[in-house]
N, C-alpha and C. Protein backbone atom coordinates (compact mmCIF):
# COMPACT_ATOMS: atom_id res chain seq x y z
N MET A 1 42.05 117.54 107.12
CA MET A 1 41.24 117.77 108.10
C MET A 1 41.49 116.62 109.10
N ILE A 2 41.67 115.33 108.79
CA ILE A 2 41.57 114.23 109.79
C ILE A 2 43.02 114.15 110.07
N GLN A 3 44.05 114.37 109.54
CA GLN A 3 45.26 114.61 109.74
C GLN A 3 45.48 115.54 111.11
N ALA A 4 45.10 116.69 110.75
CA ALA A 4 45.03 117.68 112.03
C ALA A 4 44.42 117.41 113.14
N ALA A 5 43.07 116.53 113.17
CA ALA A 5 42.84 116.00 114.56
C ALA A 5 43.50 114.91 115.05
N CYS A 6 44.23 114.24 114.18
CA CYS A 6 45.09 112.96 114.97
C CYS A 6 46.04 113.71 115.26
N PHE A 7 46.86 114.65 114.89
CA PHE A 7 47.98 115.42 115.27
C PHE A 7 47.56 116.02 116.75
N GLU A 8 46.31 116.68 116.65
CA GLU A 8 45.99 117.21 118.05
C GLU A 8 45.82 116.32 119.05
N VAL A 9 45.05 115.15 118.92
CA VAL A 9 45.12 113.99 119.46
C VAL A 9 46.37 113.52 120.38
N GLN A 10 47.31 113.33 119.44
CA GLN A 10 48.87 113.01 119.71
C GLN A 10 49.27 114.06 120.69
N ILE A 11 49.34 115.19 120.65
CA ILE A 11 49.81 116.35 121.27
C ILE A 11 49.24 116.39 122.76
N MET A 12 47.72 116.14 122.66
CA MET A 12 47.10 116.10 123.99
C MET A 12 47.53 114.96 124.84
N SER A 13 47.62 113.71 123.88
CA SER A 13 48.40 112.77 124.79
C SER A 13 49.55 112.79 125.27
N PHE A 14 50.50 113.52 124.74
CA PHE A 14 51.75 113.78 125.07
C PHE A 14 51.79 114.70 126.26
N PHE A 15 51.20 115.74 126.39
CA PHE A 15 51.04 116.64 127.56
C PHE A 15 50.26 115.95 128.83
N ARG A 16 49.32 115.04 128.46
CA ARG A 16 48.73 114.29 129.74
C ARG A 16 49.63 113.48 130.24
N ALA A 17 50.34 112.72 129.46
CA ALA A 17 51.46 111.77 129.94
C ALA A 17 52.62 112.85 130.68
N LEU A 18 52.77 113.97 130.39
CA LEU A 18 53.69 114.91 131.08
C LEU A 18 53.20 115.19 132.45
N ARG A 19 51.81 115.68 132.54
CA ARG A 19 51.33 115.97 133.96
C ARG A 19 51.30 114.78 134.74
N SER A 20 50.98 113.63 134.07
CA SER A 20 51.03 112.29 135.08
C SER A 20 52.33 112.06 135.76
N GLY A 21 53.59 112.68 135.13
CA GLY A 21 54.65 112.35 135.45
C GLY A 21 55.25 111.02 135.15
N ARG A 22 54.67 110.32 134.31
CA ARG A 22 55.34 109.06 133.86
C ARG A 22 56.41 109.40 132.97
N ALA A 23 56.42 110.37 132.01
CA ALA A 23 57.42 110.67 131.23
C ALA A 23 58.48 111.26 131.74
N ILE A 24 58.40 112.16 132.67
CA ILE A 24 59.73 112.53 133.49
C ILE A 24 60.21 111.50 134.41
N ARG A 25 59.58 110.40 134.86
CA ARG A 25 60.17 109.42 135.61
C ARG A 25 60.94 108.44 134.61
N PHE A 26 60.35 108.27 133.48
CA PHE A 26 60.94 107.62 132.19
C PHE A 26 62.25 108.07 131.96
N ALA A 27 62.15 109.49 131.83
CA ALA A 27 63.58 110.21 131.46
C ALA A 27 64.43 110.26 132.28
N ALA A 28 64.20 110.15 133.74
CA ALA A 28 65.05 110.23 134.52
C ALA A 28 65.99 108.76 134.68
N VAL A 29 64.94 108.03 134.54
CA VAL A 29 65.70 106.59 134.81
C VAL A 29 66.60 106.04 133.44
N LEU A 30 65.81 106.58 132.33
CA LEU A 30 67.01 106.47 131.10
C LEU A 30 68.06 107.29 131.20
N ALA A 31 68.19 108.53 131.74
CA ALA A 31 69.30 109.14 131.86
C ALA A 31 70.21 108.47 132.76
N ILE A 32 69.61 107.79 134.12
CA ILE A 32 70.61 107.38 134.98
C ILE A 32 71.31 106.12 134.24
N VAL A 33 70.50 104.98 133.67
CA VAL A 33 71.19 104.07 132.86
C VAL A 33 72.01 104.35 132.18
N THR A 34 71.93 105.46 131.24
CA THR A 34 72.97 105.69 130.19
C THR A 34 74.14 106.18 130.78
N LEU A 35 74.02 107.23 131.97
CA LEU A 35 75.23 107.78 132.66
C LEU A 35 76.07 106.69 133.06
N THR A 36 75.20 105.59 133.73
CA THR A 36 75.98 104.56 134.24
C THR A 36 76.84 103.69 133.45
N LEU A 37 76.01 103.31 132.35
CA LEU A 37 76.89 102.38 131.33
C LEU A 37 77.87 103.13 130.55
N ASN A 38 77.88 104.44 130.11
CA ASN A 38 78.90 105.19 129.60
C ASN A 38 79.76 105.71 130.56
N GLY A 39 79.59 105.91 131.61
CA GLY A 39 80.68 106.61 132.61
C GLY A 39 81.31 105.64 133.55
N CYS A 40 81.13 104.43 133.63
CA CYS A 40 81.85 103.67 134.54
C CYS A 40 83.18 103.76 134.35
N ALA A 41 84.02 103.47 133.22
CA ALA A 41 85.20 103.61 133.04
C ALA A 41 85.84 104.93 133.58
N GLY A 42 85.11 106.02 133.14
CA GLY A 42 85.81 107.44 133.69
C GLY A 42 85.49 107.67 135.26
N LEU A 43 84.44 107.24 135.54
CA LEU A 43 84.30 107.50 137.12
C LEU A 43 85.21 106.75 137.91
N PHE A 44 85.61 105.48 137.64
CA PHE A 44 86.46 104.86 138.45
C PHE A 44 87.77 104.85 137.99
N GLY A 45 88.29 105.81 137.19
CA GLY A 45 89.90 106.05 136.87
C GLY A 45 90.13 105.05 136.00
N ALA A 46 89.79 104.44 135.05
CA ALA A 46 90.28 103.33 134.31
C ALA A 46 91.44 103.80 133.56
N ASP A 47 92.42 102.90 133.34
CA ASP A 47 93.48 103.44 132.37
C ASP A 47 93.27 102.83 130.88
N PRO A 48 94.05 103.72 130.07
CA PRO A 48 93.45 103.40 128.71
C PRO A 48 94.18 102.11 128.52
N LEU A 49 93.59 101.51 127.25
CA LEU A 49 94.33 100.26 126.73
C LEU A 49 95.51 100.54 126.04
N ARG A 50 96.37 99.52 126.05
CA ARG A 50 97.58 99.66 125.46
C ARG A 50 97.53 98.85 124.20
N VAL A 51 97.88 99.60 123.07
CA VAL A 51 97.74 98.87 121.60
C VAL A 51 99.26 98.95 121.05
N ASN A 52 99.81 97.88 120.54
CA ASN A 52 100.84 97.85 119.89
C ASN A 52 100.97 96.98 118.84
N VAL A 53 101.46 97.27 117.61
CA VAL A 53 101.65 96.34 116.43
C VAL A 53 102.50 95.30 116.50
N ALA A 54 101.80 94.00 116.54
CA ALA A 54 102.44 92.80 117.10
C ALA A 54 103.09 92.12 115.62
N GLY A 55 102.67 92.53 114.61
CA GLY A 55 103.22 91.85 113.19
C GLY A 55 102.16 92.11 111.97
N ILE A 56 103.15 92.59 110.83
CA ILE A 56 102.46 92.67 109.63
C ILE A 56 102.78 91.57 108.57
N GLU A 57 101.49 91.18 107.83
CA GLU A 57 101.94 90.17 107.09
C GLU A 57 101.11 90.64 105.73
N PRO A 58 102.09 90.41 104.42
CA PRO A 58 101.28 90.70 103.12
C PRO A 58 100.09 90.08 102.81
N ILE A 59 99.04 90.33 102.45
CA ILE A 59 98.22 89.53 101.69
C ILE A 59 97.56 89.90 100.41
N GLU A 60 96.87 89.26 99.89
CA GLU A 60 96.57 89.36 98.36
C GLU A 60 95.69 90.43 98.27
N GLY A 61 95.99 91.62 97.26
CA GLY A 61 95.44 92.83 97.23
C GLY A 61 94.57 92.61 95.64
N GLN A 62 93.75 93.73 95.41
CA GLN A 62 93.22 93.89 93.95
C GLN A 62 93.86 94.84 92.93
N GLY A 63 94.16 94.62 91.83
CA GLY A 63 94.77 95.65 91.15
C GLY A 63 95.89 96.21 91.70
N LEU A 64 96.01 97.48 91.73
CA LEU A 64 97.35 98.22 92.10
C LEU A 64 97.39 98.35 93.68
N GLU A 65 96.27 97.99 94.48
CA GLU A 65 96.53 98.27 95.84
C GLU A 65 97.31 97.31 96.47
N MET A 66 97.94 97.63 97.95
CA MET A 66 98.43 96.61 98.59
C MET A 66 97.68 96.48 99.53
N ARG A 67 97.74 95.28 100.28
CA ARG A 67 96.83 94.81 101.40
C ARG A 67 97.90 94.07 102.36
N PHE A 68 97.53 94.31 103.50
CA PHE A 68 98.20 93.58 104.97
C PHE A 68 97.40 93.42 105.90
N ASN A 69 97.80 92.17 106.63
CA ASN A 69 97.19 91.80 107.83
C ASN A 69 98.04 92.42 109.16
N VAL A 70 97.53 93.32 109.85
CA VAL A 70 97.98 93.71 110.84
C VAL A 70 97.61 93.11 112.23
N LYS A 71 98.70 92.73 112.81
CA LYS A 71 98.22 92.16 114.19
C LYS A 71 98.49 93.01 115.11
N LEU A 72 97.49 93.30 116.08
CA LEU A 72 97.74 94.28 117.09
C LEU A 72 97.44 93.61 118.47
N ARG A 73 98.41 93.71 119.37
CA ARG A 73 98.46 93.25 120.70
C ARG A 73 97.93 94.35 121.56
N VAL A 74 96.50 94.02 122.09
CA VAL A 74 95.75 94.89 122.94
C VAL A 74 95.89 94.50 124.52
N GLN A 75 96.39 95.10 125.22
CA GLN A 75 96.69 94.85 126.55
C GLN A 75 95.92 95.72 127.46
N ASN A 76 95.15 95.07 128.53
CA ASN A 76 94.14 95.81 129.41
C ASN A 76 94.70 95.77 130.74
N PRO A 77 94.93 97.14 131.08
CA PRO A 77 95.55 97.04 132.46
C PRO A 77 94.63 97.30 133.69
N ASN A 78 93.29 97.16 133.30
CA ASN A 78 92.28 97.33 134.49
C ASN A 78 91.80 96.06 134.92
N ASP A 79 91.09 96.47 135.92
CA ASP A 79 90.33 95.18 136.75
C ASP A 79 89.01 94.73 136.14
N SER A 80 88.57 95.08 135.01
CA SER A 80 87.57 94.82 134.23
C SER A 80 87.68 94.46 132.86
N ALA A 81 87.32 93.30 132.23
CA ALA A 81 87.26 92.98 130.93
C ALA A 81 86.57 93.91 130.08
N VAL A 82 87.04 94.17 128.99
CA VAL A 82 86.85 95.03 127.72
C VAL A 82 86.42 94.19 126.63
N SER A 83 85.00 94.21 126.37
CA SER A 83 84.37 93.62 125.10
C SER A 83 84.36 94.17 123.87
N PHE A 84 84.57 93.81 122.78
CA PHE A 84 84.50 94.61 121.49
C PHE A 84 83.82 93.87 120.38
N ASN A 85 83.21 94.46 119.39
CA ASN A 85 82.63 93.73 118.37
C ASN A 85 82.94 94.51 116.95
N GLY A 86 84.08 94.89 116.82
CA GLY A 86 84.65 95.45 115.49
C GLY A 86 85.77 96.13 116.03
N VAL A 87 86.63 96.45 114.76
CA VAL A 87 87.88 97.30 114.99
C VAL A 87 87.95 98.00 113.74
N SER A 88 88.58 99.34 114.05
CA SER A 88 89.00 100.20 113.00
C SER A 88 90.23 100.67 113.03
N LEU A 89 90.88 101.04 111.81
CA LEU A 89 92.37 101.42 112.05
C LEU A 89 92.54 102.51 110.98
N ASN A 90 93.32 103.33 111.05
CA ASN A 90 93.85 104.30 110.25
C ASN A 90 95.29 104.47 110.49
N LEU A 91 96.36 104.55 109.34
CA LEU A 91 97.73 104.62 109.55
C LEU A 91 98.05 105.95 108.64
N GLU A 92 98.86 106.52 109.31
CA GLU A 92 99.53 107.68 108.75
C GLU A 92 101.08 107.59 108.55
N LEU A 93 101.68 107.88 107.54
CA LEU A 93 102.83 107.81 107.30
C LEU A 93 103.49 109.26 107.16
N ASN A 94 104.45 109.83 107.71
CA ASN A 94 105.03 111.25 107.37
C ASN A 94 103.98 112.13 107.48
N GLY A 95 102.96 111.90 108.47
CA GLY A 95 102.02 113.16 108.41
C GLY A 95 100.96 112.95 107.44
N LYS A 96 100.90 111.90 106.53
CA LYS A 96 99.79 111.77 105.64
C LYS A 96 99.26 110.60 105.62
N PRO A 97 97.70 110.42 105.20
CA PRO A 97 97.23 109.15 105.35
C PRO A 97 97.68 108.00 104.32
N PHE A 98 97.92 106.89 104.97
CA PHE A 98 98.42 106.06 104.07
C PHE A 98 97.55 104.54 103.90
N ALA A 99 97.21 104.27 104.85
CA ALA A 99 96.15 102.88 104.96
C ALA A 99 95.16 103.08 105.81
N SER A 100 94.08 102.14 105.64
CA SER A 100 93.10 102.14 106.47
C SER A 100 92.41 100.72 106.46
N GLY A 101 91.63 100.18 107.60
CA GLY A 101 91.15 98.93 107.67
C GLY A 101 90.02 98.82 108.58
N VAL A 102 89.36 97.79 108.39
CA VAL A 102 88.15 97.34 109.56
C VAL A 102 88.22 95.81 109.67
N SER A 103 87.52 95.62 110.73
CA SER A 103 87.36 93.99 110.93
C SER A 103 86.06 94.01 111.95
N ASP A 104 85.48 92.96 111.67
CA ASP A 104 84.09 92.64 112.25
C ASP A 104 84.49 91.58 113.67
N GLN A 105 85.73 91.51 113.57
CA GLN A 105 86.23 90.57 114.56
C GLN A 105 85.48 90.96 116.29
N VAL A 106 85.21 89.87 116.84
CA VAL A 106 84.49 89.99 118.00
C VAL A 106 85.21 89.30 119.11
N GLY A 107 85.36 90.01 120.31
CA GLY A 107 86.20 89.33 121.36
C GLY A 107 86.16 90.08 122.83
N THR A 108 87.10 89.77 123.32
CA THR A 108 87.18 90.38 125.04
C THR A 108 88.69 90.38 125.18
N VAL A 109 88.96 91.37 125.73
CA VAL A 109 90.38 91.70 126.39
C VAL A 109 90.27 91.37 127.90
N PRO A 110 90.70 90.32 128.28
CA PRO A 110 90.33 89.95 129.81
C PRO A 110 91.09 90.99 130.78
N ARG A 111 90.58 91.05 132.01
CA ARG A 111 91.12 91.97 132.99
C ARG A 111 92.57 91.64 133.16
N PHE A 112 93.39 92.54 133.32
CA PHE A 112 94.94 92.45 133.39
C PHE A 112 95.40 91.42 132.56
N GLY A 113 94.92 91.52 131.20
CA GLY A 113 95.15 90.35 130.10
C GLY A 113 95.64 90.93 128.75
N GLU A 114 95.62 90.47 127.69
CA GLU A 114 95.86 90.95 126.55
C GLU A 114 95.25 89.65 125.35
N THR A 115 95.11 90.48 124.43
CA THR A 115 94.55 89.44 123.15
C THR A 115 95.25 90.08 121.87
N VAL A 116 95.23 89.40 120.57
CA VAL A 116 95.80 89.80 119.49
C VAL A 116 94.62 89.77 118.40
N VAL A 117 94.36 91.07 117.90
CA VAL A 117 93.41 91.30 117.03
C VAL A 117 93.93 91.35 115.80
N ASN A 118 93.50 90.71 114.64
CA ASN A 118 93.72 90.97 113.37
C ASN A 118 92.92 91.95 112.37
N VAL A 119 93.52 92.65 111.66
CA VAL A 119 92.88 93.86 110.92
C VAL A 119 93.61 93.81 109.52
N PRO A 120 92.73 93.67 108.56
CA PRO A 120 93.26 93.59 107.22
C PRO A 120 93.45 95.25 106.81
N LEU A 121 94.58 95.65 106.46
CA LEU A 121 94.64 97.08 105.93
C LEU A 121 94.90 97.11 104.49
N THR A 122 94.13 98.22 103.94
CA THR A 122 94.39 98.46 102.58
C THR A 122 95.11 99.78 102.34
N VAL A 123 96.17 99.63 101.20
CA VAL A 123 96.88 100.77 101.09
C VAL A 123 96.56 101.08 99.34
N PRO A 124 95.84 102.12 99.32
CA PRO A 124 95.25 102.48 97.96
C PRO A 124 96.68 103.04 97.12
N ALA A 125 96.52 102.81 95.53
CA ALA A 125 97.71 102.57 94.89
C ALA A 125 98.13 104.18 94.96
N LEU A 126 97.41 105.15 95.06
CA LEU A 126 97.80 106.74 95.05
C LEU A 126 98.61 106.79 96.34
N SER A 127 98.13 106.29 97.27
CA SER A 127 98.79 106.46 98.47
C SER A 127 100.23 105.91 98.54
N ALA A 128 100.27 104.92 98.06
CA ALA A 128 101.57 104.08 97.76
C ALA A 128 102.70 104.89 97.06
N VAL A 129 102.20 105.62 95.92
CA VAL A 129 103.03 106.26 94.99
C VAL A 129 103.48 107.41 95.56
N ARG A 130 102.30 108.23 96.35
CA ARG A 130 102.79 109.50 97.32
C ARG A 130 103.77 109.01 98.26
N GLN A 131 103.76 108.01 99.12
CA GLN A 131 104.75 107.63 99.90
C GLN A 131 105.99 107.14 99.42
N ALA A 132 106.00 106.81 98.26
CA ALA A 132 107.35 106.42 97.46
C ALA A 132 108.30 107.43 97.44
N PHE A 133 107.67 108.55 96.98
CA PHE A 133 108.43 109.83 96.81
C PHE A 133 108.74 110.25 98.09
N ALA A 134 107.95 110.32 99.12
CA ALA A 134 108.33 110.91 100.51
C ALA A 134 109.33 109.90 101.06
N PHE A 135 109.30 108.66 100.77
CA PHE A 135 110.51 107.76 101.38
C PHE A 135 111.71 108.13 100.70
N ALA A 136 111.84 108.65 99.57
CA ALA A 136 113.20 109.07 98.88
C ALA A 136 113.73 110.18 99.85
N GLY A 137 112.93 111.09 100.32
CA GLY A 137 113.35 112.36 101.23
C GLY A 137 113.68 111.75 102.33
N ALA A 138 113.24 110.82 103.14
CA ALA A 138 113.40 110.01 104.14
C ALA A 138 114.53 109.22 104.39
N ALA A 139 114.97 108.82 103.30
CA ALA A 139 116.06 107.70 103.08
C ALA A 139 117.24 108.40 103.81
N GLN A 140 117.64 109.52 103.72
CA GLN A 140 118.75 109.90 104.65
C GLN A 140 118.86 109.86 105.99
N SER A 141 117.73 109.97 106.55
CA SER A 141 117.45 110.05 107.84
C SER A 141 117.56 108.48 108.41
N GLY A 142 116.57 107.71 107.59
CA GLY A 142 116.53 106.40 107.84
C GLY A 142 115.42 106.34 108.80
N GLN A 143 114.66 107.05 109.18
CA GLN A 143 113.55 107.44 109.89
C GLN A 143 112.19 107.98 109.31
N ILE A 144 110.93 107.18 109.53
CA ILE A 144 109.86 107.76 109.06
C ILE A 144 108.77 107.78 110.06
N PRO A 145 108.08 108.97 110.63
CA PRO A 145 107.31 108.90 111.62
C PRO A 145 105.89 108.29 111.29
N TYR A 146 105.16 107.58 112.06
CA TYR A 146 104.03 106.96 111.73
C TYR A 146 102.92 107.24 112.92
N ILE A 147 101.62 107.15 112.83
CA ILE A 147 100.84 107.28 113.62
C ILE A 147 99.77 106.35 113.33
N LEU A 148 99.30 105.36 114.35
CA LEU A 148 98.22 104.25 114.01
C LEU A 148 97.14 104.72 115.11
N ARG A 149 95.81 105.28 114.34
CA ARG A 149 94.80 105.48 115.23
C ARG A 149 93.61 104.49 115.03
N GLY A 150 92.88 104.10 116.12
CA GLY A 150 92.05 102.88 115.93
C GLY A 150 91.24 103.04 117.07
N LYS A 151 90.20 102.00 116.69
CA LYS A 151 88.95 101.88 117.88
C LYS A 151 88.41 100.56 118.02
N LEU A 152 88.24 100.11 119.02
CA LEU A 152 87.50 98.74 119.46
C LEU A 152 86.12 99.17 119.76
N ALA A 153 84.94 98.93 119.02
CA ALA A 153 83.68 99.18 119.08
C ALA A 153 82.79 98.29 119.70
N GLY A 154 81.88 98.75 120.25
CA GLY A 154 80.72 98.09 121.29
C GLY A 154 81.28 97.69 122.55
N GLY A 155 80.65 96.62 123.20
CA GLY A 155 80.62 96.33 124.47
C GLY A 155 79.86 97.29 125.23
N LEU A 156 79.56 96.92 126.59
CA LEU A 156 79.02 97.83 127.63
C LEU A 156 79.72 99.21 127.66
N THR A 157 80.97 99.36 127.44
CA THR A 157 81.70 100.50 127.76
C THR A 157 81.59 101.25 126.64
N GLY A 158 81.18 100.88 125.61
CA GLY A 158 81.16 101.67 124.16
C GLY A 158 82.38 101.52 123.49
N THR A 159 82.67 102.63 122.60
CA THR A 159 83.90 102.57 121.67
C THR A 159 84.84 102.86 122.42
N THR A 160 86.12 101.93 122.53
CA THR A 160 87.32 102.39 122.98
C THR A 160 88.36 102.82 122.04
N ARG A 161 88.83 104.09 122.02
CA ARG A 161 89.80 104.61 121.08
C ARG A 161 91.22 104.39 121.47
N PHE A 162 92.34 104.14 120.76
CA PHE A 162 93.74 104.16 121.00
C PHE A 162 94.46 104.82 119.92
N ILE A 163 95.69 104.89 120.16
CA ILE A 163 96.43 105.48 119.37
C ILE A 163 98.15 104.83 119.65
N ASP A 164 98.79 104.68 118.73
CA ASP A 164 100.23 104.22 118.74
C ASP A 164 101.06 104.96 117.92
N GLN A 165 102.09 105.60 118.16
CA GLN A 165 102.84 106.29 117.22
C GLN A 165 104.38 106.32 117.54
N GLY A 166 105.13 106.44 116.72
CA GLY A 166 106.58 106.23 116.66
C GLY A 166 107.07 106.40 115.36
N THR A 167 108.38 105.89 115.30
CA THR A 167 109.23 105.99 114.00
C THR A 167 109.61 104.62 113.49
N LEU A 168 109.35 104.19 112.00
CA LEU A 168 109.79 103.20 111.29
C LEU A 168 111.21 103.34 110.93
N SER A 169 112.11 102.59 111.31
CA SER A 169 113.47 102.58 110.58
C SER A 169 113.48 101.69 109.32
N LEU A 170 114.10 102.46 108.21
CA LEU A 170 114.28 102.05 107.14
C LEU A 170 115.58 101.22 107.00
N PRO A 171 115.67 99.92 106.41
CA PRO A 171 116.97 99.23 106.18
C PRO A 171 117.96 100.23 105.64
N MET A 172 119.04 100.16 105.91
CA MET A 172 120.20 101.07 105.38
C MET A 172 121.25 100.10 104.40
N SER A 173 121.05 99.15 104.37
CA SER A 173 122.04 98.26 103.48
C SER A 173 121.87 98.70 102.22
N GLY A 174 122.78 98.88 101.42
CA GLY A 174 122.87 98.98 100.12
C GLY A 174 123.02 100.48 99.97
N MET A 175 122.79 101.38 101.03
CA MET A 175 122.59 102.56 100.84
C MET A 175 123.97 103.48 101.38
N ALA A 176 124.68 102.74 101.77
CA ALA A 176 126.21 103.39 102.10
C ALA A 176 126.95 104.20 100.89
N LEU A 177 127.46 105.36 101.48
CA LEU A 177 127.95 105.87 100.17
C LEU A 177 129.62 105.30 100.04
N PRO A 178 129.95 105.33 98.79
CA PRO A 178 131.29 104.63 98.37
C PRO A 178 132.44 105.73 99.25
């Protein structure tokens, strides 16, 4: 009985606030602020960030997994800096998931500038075995297609997603036919 009375008081307070116009003004201000912060890049025609793999170094893994430190060169072709507070990556080889990684690295890509971001990638043992069989089929062409998808999280502009794709060339030494 007491809970029902409290609920009725809350409902009545909500309707009084709506009638006074405070809730409507608050919602309008909140909507304008949200649209301004989230839409700045889209409204002014900002170009997407350019992300390329700058280097890959092996690091120590656990058990049968393989681990790599991937260095990403992030270029900002825009007139305003892009801040981030985390990075996430997913790597596909031959159209199949191969590795993933995250980093809590914090930084800023300056306006018309670039920065290098380090992200540890983990290759699960089963993915490595599956790709080893796929590499055998790709050995004749020497080319393996890859897609690297990622995002820079945070900042005033929100999450910035990126994609890099191409082909990896397998070394052909020792594969020549007699």
